[in-house]
Amino acid sequence: MVILVCLGSILAGLLGSLTGLGGGAVIVPMLVLGFGVDIRYAMGASLISVIATSSGAAAAYVRDGFSNIRIGMFLEIATAAGAIVGATLVHKLPTAYIALVFGSVLIFSALLSLNAPHESSLPTEPDRLALLLKMDSSYPTAMGMKSYCVRGVPAGFSAMFGAGILSGLLGIGSGAFKVLAMDHIMRLPFKVSATTSNFMIGVTAAAGAGVYLRNGYVVPGLAMPVIVGTLLGSAAGTRILLKSNVRSLRLIFSVVIMALGVEMIYGGITGRL
């Protein structure tokens, strides 16, 4: 079982690194549906692995100039606070309810990921608050460094608090919602959103993981192979992202997450979880 969990976590870490999800959106359904692990213990292992994934991928993205550190550190204030709130609700909610919420979040994330704004429609005029916080930056492309402007900072900050609640409640990095907020609301290029999300999810997960650990939902024997697998997968993902097609990444992400979301909802309704 340890070997199988590790192999599955490699795939989850790869997907998490490529899309900014952090792998938790795949790890939790894999452990619950594939190995029969109680959903709360699966979420505890997932949060620990999200920290590992962020550590494995974020350094490379920062080094290569994709992640926007100033945006990430500012938004982490909201996500960390939300994660603590969400984690305190876990042991108070029925398993079936958590599964239904989890599945719905996955499906919602998959649908919105396919409807992202095209890079050509990104804003070119600076936002006053973004200028004040010095958030505008640039990222490397095949044609050299490309500048971008940041919009909707207050709305993005509010959305990040909600993403933090989902992270703590569901045991995921909530990278899909972080990417969504930066992609649709703050209008960042997708690769900047995904890499900045990877930079942020470790802090978000750490905030919620402390509550899970206190409640006894983190089992070292389960978390260990998950961490090893996600680290290996995220390391491979950082190399692939730099040369990958953005549309293909969104499609792969959406198909996988949609299928897992439907299965989680079905399990919650039928009482199998």
C-alpha atoms as a PDB file:
ATOM      1  CA  MET A   1       0.000   0.000   0.000  1.00  0.00           C
ATOM      2  CA  VAL A   2       2.853   2.379   0.818  1.00  0.00           C
ATOM      3  CA  ILE A   3       4.331   1.926  -2.665  1.00  0.00           C
ATOM      4  CA  LEU A   4       0.966   2.449  -4.367  1.00  0.00           C
ATOM      5  CA  VAL A   5       0.235   5.563  -2.303  1.00  0.00           C
ATOM      6  CA  CYS A   6       3.679   6.928  -3.181  1.00  0.00           C
ATOM      7  CA  LEU A   7       3.142   6.292  -6.913  1.00  0.00           C
ATOM      8  CA  GLY A   8      -0.277   7.938  -6.828  1.00  0.00           C
ATOM      9  CA  SER A   9       1.189  10.892  -4.959  1.00  0.00           C
ATOM     10  CA  ILE A  10       3.835  11.343  -7.654  1.00  0.00           C
ATOM     11  CA  LEU A  11       1.049  11.860 -10.189  1.00  0.00           C
ATOM     12  CA  ALA A  12      -0.782  14.192  -7.805  1.00  0.00           C
ATOM     13  CA  GLY A  13       2.372  16.217  -7.181  1.00  0.00           C
ATOM     14  CA  LEU A  14       3.039  16.467 -10.911  1.00  0.00           C
ATOM     15  CA  LEU A  15      -0.489  17.726 -11.592  1.00  0.00           C
ATOM     16  CA  GLY A  16      -0.354  20.064  -8.617  1.00  0.00           C
ATOM     17  CA  SER A  17       2.907  21.598  -9.754  1.00  0.00           C
ATOM     18  CA  LEU A  18       1.730  22.061 -13.350  1.00  0.00           C
ATOM     19  CA  THR A  19      -1.559  23.734 -12.452  1.00  0.00           C
ATOM     20  CA  GLY A  20      -0.869  25.424  -9.101  1.00  0.00           C
ATOM     21  CA  LEU A  21      -3.243  23.085  -7.250  1.00  0.00           C
ATOM     22  CA  GLY A  22      -0.715  21.680  -4.815  1.00  0.00           C
ATOM     23  CA  GLY A  23      -1.828  18.084  -5.399  1.00  0.00           C
ATOM     24  CA  GLY A  24      -4.367  17.972  -2.558  1.00  0.00           C
ATOM     25  CA  ALA A  25      -7.314  17.977  -4.957  1.00  0.00           C
ATOM     26  CA  VAL A  26      -6.073  14.627  -6.272  1.00  0.00           C
ATOM     27  CA  ILE A  27      -4.564  13.124  -3.115  1.00  0.00           C
ATOM     28  CA  VAL A  28      -7.699  13.277  -0.966  1.00  0.00           C
ATOM     29  CA  PRO A  29      -9.992  11.508  -3.501  1.00  0.00           C
ATOM     30  CA  MET A  30      -7.199   9.005  -4.235  1.00  0.00           C
ATOM     31  CA  LEU A  31      -6.819   8.042  -0.573  1.00  0.00           C
ATOM     32  CA  VAL A  32     -10.556   8.054   0.171  1.00  0.00           C
ATOM     33  CA  LEU A  33     -11.850   6.362  -2.980  1.00  0.00           C
ATOM     34  CA  GLY A  34      -8.856   4.200  -3.834  1.00  0.00           C
ATOM     35  CA  PHE A  35      -7.580   3.115  -0.415  1.00  0.00           C
ATOM     36  CA  GLY A  36     -10.591   3.541   1.865  1.00  0.00           C
ATOM     37  CA  VAL A  37      -8.896   6.053   4.165  1.00  0.00           C
ATOM     38  CA  ASP A  38     -11.163   8.122   6.412  1.00  0.00           C
ATOM     39  CA  ILE A  39     -11.610  11.493   4.749  1.00  0.00           C
ATOM     40  CA  ARG A  40     -10.319  13.480   7.745  1.00  0.00           C
ATOM     41  CA  TYR A  41      -7.055  11.514   7.903  1.00  0.00           C
ATOM     42  CA  ALA A  42      -6.736  11.815   4.125  1.00  0.00           C
ATOM     43  CA  MET A  43      -7.105  15.577   4.415  1.00  0.00           C
ATOM     44  CA  GLY A  44      -4.490  15.683   7.182  1.00  0.00           C
ATOM     45  CA  ALA A  45      -1.968  13.817   5.008  1.00  0.00           C
ATOM     46  CA  SER A  46      -2.909  16.010   2.062  1.00  0.00           C
ATOM     47  CA  LEU A  47      -2.200  19.249   3.909  1.00  0.00           C
ATOM     48  CA  ILE A  48       1.253  18.007   4.917  1.00  0.00           C
ATOM     49  CA  SER A  49       1.946  16.999   1.320  1.00  0.00           C
ATOM     50  CA  VAL A  50       0.795  20.386   0.058  1.00  0.00           C
ATOM     51  CA  ILE A  51       3.518  21.980   2.170  1.00  0.00           C
ATOM     52  CA  ALA A  52       6.044  19.599   0.592  1.00  0.00           C
ATOM     53  CA  THR A  53       4.776  20.319  -2.924  1.00  0.00           C
ATOM     54  CA  SER A  54       4.993  24.054  -2.406  1.00  0.00           C
ATOM     55  CA  SER A  55       8.528  23.715  -1.070  1.00  0.00           C
ATOM     56  CA  GLY A  56       9.568  21.551  -4.014  1.00  0.00           C
ATOM     57  CA  ALA A  57       8.105  23.723  -6.769  1.00  0.00           C
ATOM     58  CA  ALA A  58       8.103  27.279  -5.432  1.00  0.00           C
ATOM     59  CA  ALA A  59      11.886  27.671  -5.242  1.00  0.00           C
ATOM     60  CA  ALA A  60      12.342  26.821  -8.928  1.00  0.00           C
ATOM     61  CA  TYR A  61       9.543  29.134 -10.039  1.00  0.00           C
ATOM     62  CA  VAL A  62      10.914  32.026  -7.971  1.00  0.00           C
ATOM     63  CA  ARG A  63      14.396  31.449  -9.382  1.00  0.00           C
ATOM     64  CA  ASP A  64      13.114  31.481 -12.968  1.00  0.00           C
ATOM     65  CA  GLY A  65      11.173  34.719 -12.443  1.00  0.00           C
ATOM     66  CA  PHE A  66       7.592  33.419 -12.787  1.00  0.00           C
ATOM     67  CA  SER A  67       6.230  33.875  -9.244  1.00  0.00           C
ATOM     68  CA  ASN A  68       5.199  37.334  -8.065  1.00  0.00           C
ATOM     69  CA  ILE A  69       6.526  37.317  -4.502  1.00  0.00           C
ATOM     70  CA  ARG A  70       4.982  40.642  -3.505  1.00  0.00           C
ATOM     71  CA  ILE A  71       1.484  39.505  -4.519  1.00  0.00           C
ATOM     72  CA  GLY A  72       1.949  36.130  -2.855  1.00  0.00           C
ATOM     73  CA  MET A  73       3.039  37.533   0.499  1.00  0.00           C
ATOM     74  CA  PHE A  74       0.210  40.067   0.523  1.00  0.00           C
ATOM     75  CA  LEU A  75      -2.498  37.493  -0.280  1.00  0.00           C
ATOM     76  CA  GLU A  76      -1.107  34.956   2.213  1.00  0.00           C
ATOM     77  CA  ILE A  77      -2.465  37.124   5.016  1.00  0.00           C
ATOM     78  CA  ALA A  78      -6.008  36.316   3.857  1.00  0.00           C
ATOM     79  CA  THR A  79      -5.434  32.647   3.008  1.00  0.00           C
ATOM     80  CA  ALA A  80      -3.732  31.784   6.302  1.00  0.00           C
ATOM     81  CA  ALA A  81      -6.510  33.401   8.335  1.00  0.00           C
ATOM     82  CA  GLY A  82      -9.149  31.568   6.305  1.00  0.00           C
ATOM     83  CA  ALA A  83      -7.347  28.217   6.652  1.00  0.00           C
ATOM     84  CA  ILE A  84      -7.465  28.398  10.438  1.00  0.00           C
ATOM     85  CA  VAL A  85     -11.194  29.137  10.333  1.00  0.00           C
ATOM     86  CA  GLY A  86     -11.860  26.241   7.939  1.00  0.00           C
ATOM     87  CA  ALA A  87      -9.739  23.721   9.862  1.00  0.00           C
ATOM     88  CA  THR A  88     -11.637  24.370  13.091  1.00  0.00           C
ATOM     89  CA  LEU A  89     -14.875  23.283  11.361  1.00  0.00           C
ATOM     90  CA  VAL A  90     -13.622  19.861  10.179  1.00  0.00           C
ATOM     91  CA  HIS A  91     -14.330  17.741  13.264  1.00  0.00           C
ATOM     92  CA  LYS A  92     -17.756  19.377  13.669  1.00  0.00           C
ATOM     93  CA  LEU A  93     -19.135  18.363  10.256  1.00  0.00           C
ATOM     94  CA  PRO A  94     -20.375  14.903   9.090  1.00  0.00           C
ATOM     95  CA  THR A  95     -18.165  13.005   6.640  1.00  0.00           C
ATOM     96  CA  ALA A  96     -20.885  12.920   3.967  1.00  0.00           C
ATOM     97  CA  TYR A  97     -21.261  16.689   4.095  1.00  0.00           C
ATOM     98  CA  ILE A  98     -17.520  17.226   3.702  1.00  0.00           C
ATOM     99  CA  ALA A  99     -17.486  14.840   0.712  1.00  0.00           C
ATOM    100  CA  LEU A 100     -20.340  16.711  -0.972  1.00  0.00           C
ATOM    101  CA  VAL A 101     -18.634  20.064  -0.477  1.00  0.00           C
ATOM    102  CA  PHE A 102     -15.343  18.630  -1.681  1.00  0.00           C
ATOM    103  CA  GLY A 103     -16.855  17.180  -4.848  1.00  0.00           C
ATOM    104  CA  SER A 104     -18.767  20.367  -5.624  1.00  0.00           C
ATOM    105  CA  VAL A 105     -15.605  22.450  -5.215  1.00  0.00           C
ATOM    106  CA  LEU A 106     -13.698  20.163  -7.583  1.00  0.00           C
ATOM    107  CA  ILE A 107     -16.359  20.343 -10.300  1.00  0.00           C
ATOM    108  CA  PHE A 108     -16.683  24.109  -9.937  1.00  0.00           C
ATOM    109  CA  SER A 109     -12.912  24.477 -10.214  1.00  0.00           C
ATOM    110  CA  ALA A 110     -12.796  22.300 -13.336  1.00  0.00           C
ATOM    111  CA  LEU A 111     -15.496  24.300 -15.129  1.00  0.00           C
ATOM    112  CA  LEU A 112     -14.015  27.682 -14.315  1.00  0.00           C
ATOM    113  CA  SER A 113     -10.527  26.577 -15.285  1.00  0.00           C
ATOM    114  CA  LEU A 114     -11.706  26.020 -18.862  1.00  0.00           C
ATOM    115  CA  ASN A 115     -13.171  29.520 -19.033  1.00  0.00           C
ATOM    116  CA  ALA A 116     -10.077  31.584 -18.300  1.00  0.00           C
ATOM    117  CA  PRO A 117      -9.443  34.908 -20.026  1.00  0.00           C
ATOM    118  CA  HIS A 118      -7.084  34.824 -22.993  1.00  0.00           C
ATOM    119  CA  GLU A 119      -3.620  36.312 -22.492  1.00  0.00           C
ATOM    120  CA  SER A 120      -4.314  38.911 -25.203  1.00  0.00           C
ATOM    121  CA  SER A 121      -7.159  40.366 -23.100  1.00  0.00           C
ATOM    122  CA  LEU A 122      -4.967  41.037 -20.070  1.00  0.00           C
ATOM    123  CA  PRO A 123      -5.066  44.648 -18.818  1.00  0.00           C
ATOM    124  CA  THR A 124      -2.350  47.055 -19.911  1.00  0.00           C
ATOM    125  CA  GLU A 125      -3.342  50.016 -17.723  1.00  0.00           C
ATOM    126  CA  PRO A 126      -2.002  50.033 -14.150  1.00  0.00           C
ATOM    127  CA  ASP A 127      -4.303  49.914 -11.117  1.00  0.00           C
ATOM    128  CA  ARG A 128      -3.822  52.601  -8.467  1.00  0.00           C
ATOM    129  CA  LEU A 129      -3.707  50.225  -5.468  1.00  0.00           C
ATOM    130  CA  ALA A 130      -1.498  47.752  -7.329  1.00  0.00           C
ATOM    131  CA  LEU A 131       0.883  50.584  -8.135  1.00  0.00           C
ATOM    132  CA  LEU A 132       0.926  51.659  -4.497  1.00  0.00           C
ATOM    133  CA  LEU A 133       1.804  48.108  -3.421  1.00  0.00           C
ATOM    134  CA  LYS A 134       4.270  47.725  -6.319  1.00  0.00           C
ATOM    135  CA  MET A 135       2.618  44.530  -7.607  1.00  0.00           C
ATOM    136  CA  ASP A 136       3.068  45.053 -11.358  1.00  0.00           C
ATOM    137  CA  SER A 137       5.907  42.947 -12.730  1.00  0.00           C
ATOM    138  CA  SER A 138       7.047  40.822 -15.685  1.00  0.00           C
ATOM    139  CA  TYR A 139       7.636  37.151 -16.469  1.00  0.00           C
ATOM    140  CA  PRO A 140       9.766  35.237 -18.988  1.00  0.00           C
ATOM    141  CA  THR A 141       8.295  34.095 -22.307  1.00  0.00           C
ATOM    142  CA  ALA A 142       9.720  32.623 -25.494  1.00  0.00           C
ATOM    143  CA  MET A 143      10.034  36.170 -26.821  1.00  0.00           C
ATOM    144  CA  GLY A 144      11.713  37.561 -23.706  1.00  0.00           C
ATOM    145  CA  MET A 145      10.360  39.237 -20.573  1.00  0.00           C
ATOM    146  CA  LYS A 146       6.727  40.350 -20.804  1.00  0.00           C
ATOM    147  CA  SER A 147       5.253  42.984 -18.468  1.00  0.00           C
ATOM    148  CA  TYR A 148       1.791  42.735 -16.908  1.00  0.00           C
ATOM    149  CA  CYS A 149      -0.467  44.897 -14.752  1.00  0.00           C
ATOM    150  CA  VAL A 150      -2.456  43.798 -11.710  1.00  0.00           C
ATOM    151  CA  ARG A 151      -6.135  44.646 -11.178  1.00  0.00           C
ATOM    152  CA  GLY A 152      -8.829  44.051  -8.553  1.00  0.00           C
ATOM    153  CA  VAL A 153      -6.602  43.825  -5.473  1.00  0.00           C
ATOM    154  CA  PRO A 154      -9.408  44.185  -2.827  1.00  0.00           C
ATOM    155  CA  ALA A 155     -11.628  41.603  -4.576  1.00  0.00           C
ATOM    156  CA  GLY A 156      -8.691  39.239  -4.962  1.00  0.00           C
ATOM    157  CA  PHE A 157      -7.838  39.579  -1.267  1.00  0.00           C
ATOM    158  CA  SER A 158     -11.443  38.749  -0.282  1.00  0.00           C
ATOM    159  CA  ALA A 159     -11.486  35.729  -2.599  1.00  0.00           C
ATOM    160  CA  MET A 160      -8.268  34.483  -1.001  1.00  0.00           C
ATOM    161  CA  PHE A 161      -9.906  34.435   2.430  1.00  0.00           C
ATOM    162  CA  GLY A 162     -12.574  32.125   0.994  1.00  0.00           C
ATOM    163  CA  ALA A 163      -9.874  29.990  -0.629  1.00  0.00           C
ATOM    164  CA  GLY A 164      -8.186  29.701   2.761  1.00  0.00           C
ATOM    165  CA  ILE A 165     -11.411  28.494   4.394  1.00  0.00           C
ATOM    166  CA  LEU A 166     -11.753  25.798   1.720  1.00  0.00           C
ATOM    167  CA  SER A 167      -8.124  24.812   2.247  1.00  0.00           C
ATOM    168  CA  GLY A 168      -8.586  24.267   5.966  1.00  0.00           C
ATOM    169  CA  LEU A 169     -12.014  22.646   5.618  1.00  0.00           C
ATOM    170  CA  LEU A 170     -11.118  20.244   2.794  1.00  0.00           C
ATOM    171  CA  GLY A 171      -7.435  19.589   3.437  1.00  0.00           C
ATOM    172  CA  ILE A 172      -6.231  20.996   0.118  1.00  0.00           C
ATOM    173  CA  GLY A 173      -4.038  23.884  -0.872  1.00  0.00           C
ATOM    174  CA  SER A 174      -7.102  25.363  -2.632  1.00  0.00           C
ATOM    175  CA  GLY A 175      -4.739  26.209  -5.451  1.00  0.00           C
ATOM    176  CA  ALA A 176      -7.581  26.079  -7.965  1.00  0.00           C
ATOM    177  CA  PHE A 177      -9.325  28.995  -6.273  1.00  0.00           C
ATOM    178  CA  LYS A 178      -6.088  30.899  -5.791  1.00  0.00           C
ATOM    179  CA  VAL A 179      -5.306  30.530  -9.479  1.00  0.00           C
ATOM    180  CA  LEU A 180      -8.899  31.459 -10.286  1.00  0.00           C
ATOM    181  CA  ALA A 181      -8.766  34.628  -8.188  1.00  0.00           C
ATOM    182  CA  MET A 182      -5.467  35.761  -9.682  1.00  0.00           C
ATOM    183  CA  ASP A 183      -6.490  34.663 -13.185  1.00  0.00           C
ATOM    184  CA  HIS A 184     -10.026  36.082 -13.399  1.00  0.00           C
ATOM    185  CA  ILE A 185     -10.111  38.818 -10.751  1.00  0.00           C
ATOM    186  CA  MET A 186      -6.575  40.172 -10.578  1.00  0.00           C
ATOM    187  CA  ARG A 187      -6.025  39.374 -14.290  1.00  0.00           C
ATOM    188  CA  LEU A 188      -2.554  37.861 -14.021  1.00  0.00           C
ATOM    189  CA  PRO A 189      -1.125  35.656 -16.821  1.00  0.00           C
ATOM    190  CA  PHE A 190      -1.907  31.981 -16.164  1.00  0.00           C
ATOM    191  CA  LYS A 191       1.689  30.881 -15.608  1.00  0.00           C
ATOM    192  CA  VAL A 192       2.187  33.717 -13.125  1.00  0.00           C
ATOM    193  CA  SER A 193      -1.044  32.735 -11.343  1.00  0.00           C
ATOM    194  CA  ALA A 194      -0.087  29.044 -11.184  1.00  0.00           C
ATOM    195  CA  THR A 195       3.446  29.649  -9.968  1.00  0.00           C
ATOM    196  CA  THR A 196       2.438  32.293  -7.433  1.00  0.00           C
ATOM    197  CA  SER A 197      -0.238  29.896  -6.174  1.00  0.00           C
ATOM    198  CA  ASN A 198       2.462  27.267  -5.658  1.00  0.00           C
ATOM    199  CA  PHE A 199       4.419  29.815  -3.671  1.00  0.00           C
ATOM    200  CA  MET A 200       1.389  30.553  -1.458  1.00  0.00           C
ATOM    201  CA  ILE A 201      -0.164  27.155  -0.801  1.00  0.00           C
ATOM    202  CA  GLY A 202       2.552  25.995   1.581  1.00  0.00           C
ATOM    203  CA  VAL A 203       1.807  28.830   4.006  1.00  0.00           C
ATOM    204  CA  THR A 204      -1.949  28.278   3.668  1.00  0.00           C
ATOM    205  CA  ALA A 205      -1.605  24.533   4.295  1.00  0.00           C
ATOM    206  CA  ALA A 206       0.728  25.053   7.266  1.00  0.00           C
ATOM    207  CA  ALA A 207      -1.849  27.297   8.941  1.00  0.00           C
ATOM    208  CA  GLY A 208      -4.537  24.597   8.679  1.00  0.00           C
ATOM    209  CA  ALA A 209      -2.215  21.634   9.338  1.00  0.00           C
ATOM    210  CA  GLY A 210      -1.574  22.806  12.886  1.00  0.00           C
ATOM    211  CA  VAL A 211      -5.266  22.419  13.704  1.00  0.00           C
ATOM    212  CA  TYR A 212      -5.399  18.964  12.055  1.00  0.00           C
ATOM    213  CA  LEU A 213      -2.339  17.866  14.048  1.00  0.00           C
ATOM    214  CA  ARG A 214      -3.876  19.021  17.308  1.00  0.00           C
ATOM    215  CA  ASN A 215      -7.044  17.033  16.555  1.00  0.00           C
ATOM    216  CA  GLY A 216      -5.070  13.852  15.747  1.00  0.00           C
ATOM    217  CA  TYR A 217      -5.814  13.734  12.007  1.00  0.00           C
ATOM    218  CA  VAL A 218      -2.155  13.616  10.868  1.00  0.00           C
ATOM    219  CA  VAL A 219      -0.818  10.017  10.786  1.00  0.00           C
ATOM    220  CA  PRO A 220       2.948   9.822  10.041  1.00  0.00           C
ATOM    221  CA  GLY A 221       2.709   6.383   8.391  1.00  0.00           C
ATOM    222  CA  LEU A 222       0.225   7.726   5.860  1.00  0.00           C
ATOM    223  CA  ALA A 223       1.743  11.175   5.421  1.00  0.00           C
ATOM    224  CA  MET A 224       5.279   9.870   4.708  1.00  0.00           C
ATOM    225  CA  PRO A 225       4.674   8.149   1.311  1.00  0.00           C
ATOM    226  CA  VAL A 226       2.376  11.007   0.289  1.00  0.00           C
ATOM    227  CA  ILE A 227       5.102  13.574   1.005  1.00  0.00           C
ATOM    228  CA  VAL A 228       7.788  11.589  -0.847  1.00  0.00           C
ATOM    229  CA  GLY A 229       5.553  11.128  -3.880  1.00  0.00           C
ATOM    230  CA  THR A 230       4.410  14.738  -4.095  1.00  0.00           C
ATOM    231  CA  LEU A 231       7.962  16.025  -3.784  1.00  0.00           C
ATOM    232  CA  LEU A 232       9.104  13.842  -6.692  1.00  0.00           C
ATOM    233  CA  GLY A 233       6.077  14.790  -8.787  1.00  0.00           C
ATOM    234  CA  SER A 234       6.378  18.515  -8.116  1.00  0.00           C
ATOM    235  CA  ALA A 235      10.082  18.495  -8.991  1.00  0.00           C
ATOM    236  CA  ALA A 236       9.244  16.963 -12.388  1.00  0.00           C
ATOM    237  CA  GLY A 237       6.354  19.373 -12.904  1.00  0.00           C
ATOM    238  CA  THR A 238       8.531  22.468 -12.548  1.00  0.00           C
ATOM    239  CA  ARG A 239      10.594  21.363 -15.552  1.00  0.00           C
ATOM    240  CA  ILE A 240       7.560  20.533 -17.685  1.00  0.00           C
ATOM    241  CA  LEU A 241       5.660  23.781 -17.015  1.00  0.00           C
ATOM    242  CA  LEU A 242       8.341  25.991 -18.526  1.00  0.00           C
ATOM    243  CA  LYS A 243       7.803  24.412 -21.976  1.00  0.00           C
ATOM    244  CA  SER A 244       4.157  23.404 -21.712  1.00  0.00           C
ATOM    245  CA  ASN A 245       1.033  24.623 -23.472  1.00  0.00           C
ATOM    246  CA  VAL A 246      -1.305  26.487 -21.106  1.00  0.00           C
ATOM    247  CA  ARG A 247      -4.475  25.235 -22.788  1.00  0.00           C
ATOM    248  CA  SER A 248      -3.340  21.623 -22.477  1.00  0.00           C
ATOM    249  CA  LEU A 249      -2.657  22.084 -18.768  1.00  0.00           C
ATOM    250  CA  ARG A 250      -6.154  23.437 -18.192  1.00  0.00           C
ATOM    251  CA  LEU A 251      -7.732  20.571 -20.129  1.00  0.00           C
ATOM    252  CA  ILE A 252      -5.819  17.861 -18.230  1.00  0.00           C
ATOM    253  CA  PHE A 253      -6.638  19.507 -14.937  1.00  0.00           C
ATOM    254  CA  SER A 254     -10.321  19.868 -15.730  1.00  0.00           C
ATOM    255  CA  VAL A 255     -10.857  16.276 -16.882  1.00  0.00           C
ATOM    256  CA  VAL A 256      -9.144  14.742 -13.853  1.00  0.00           C
ATOM    257  CA  ILE A 257     -10.762  17.044 -11.308  1.00  0.00           C
ATOM    258  CA  MET A 258     -14.229  16.714 -12.853  1.00  0.00           C
ATOM    259  CA  ALA A 259     -14.113  12.912 -12.625  1.00  0.00           C
ATOM    260  CA  LEU A 260     -12.899  12.951  -9.029  1.00  0.00           C
ATOM    261  CA  GLY A 261     -15.519  15.515  -8.057  1.00  0.00           C
ATOM    262  CA  VAL A 262     -18.387  13.420  -9.434  1.00  0.00           C
ATOM    263  CA  GLU A 263     -17.087  10.337  -7.630  1.00  0.00           C
ATOM    264  CA  MET A 264     -16.766  12.207  -4.313  1.00  0.00           C
ATOM    265  CA  ILE A 265     -20.341  13.512  -4.559  1.00  0.00           C
ATOM    266  CA  TYR A 266     -21.631  10.041  -5.401  1.00  0.00           C
ATOM    267  CA  GLY A 267     -19.775   8.562  -2.444  1.00  0.00           C
ATOM    268  CA  GLY A 268     -21.157  11.213  -0.107  1.00  0.00           C
ATOM    269  CA  ILE A 269     -24.766  10.700  -1.274  1.00  0.00           C
ATOM    270  CA  THR A 270     -24.616   6.898  -1.102  1.00  0.00           C
ATOM    271  CA  GLY A 271     -22.838   6.902   2.273  1.00  0.00           C
ATOM    272  CA  ARG A 272     -19.766   4.995   1.042  1.00  0.00           C
ATOM    273  CA  LEU A 273     -17.378   7.545   2.533  1.00  0.00           C
END
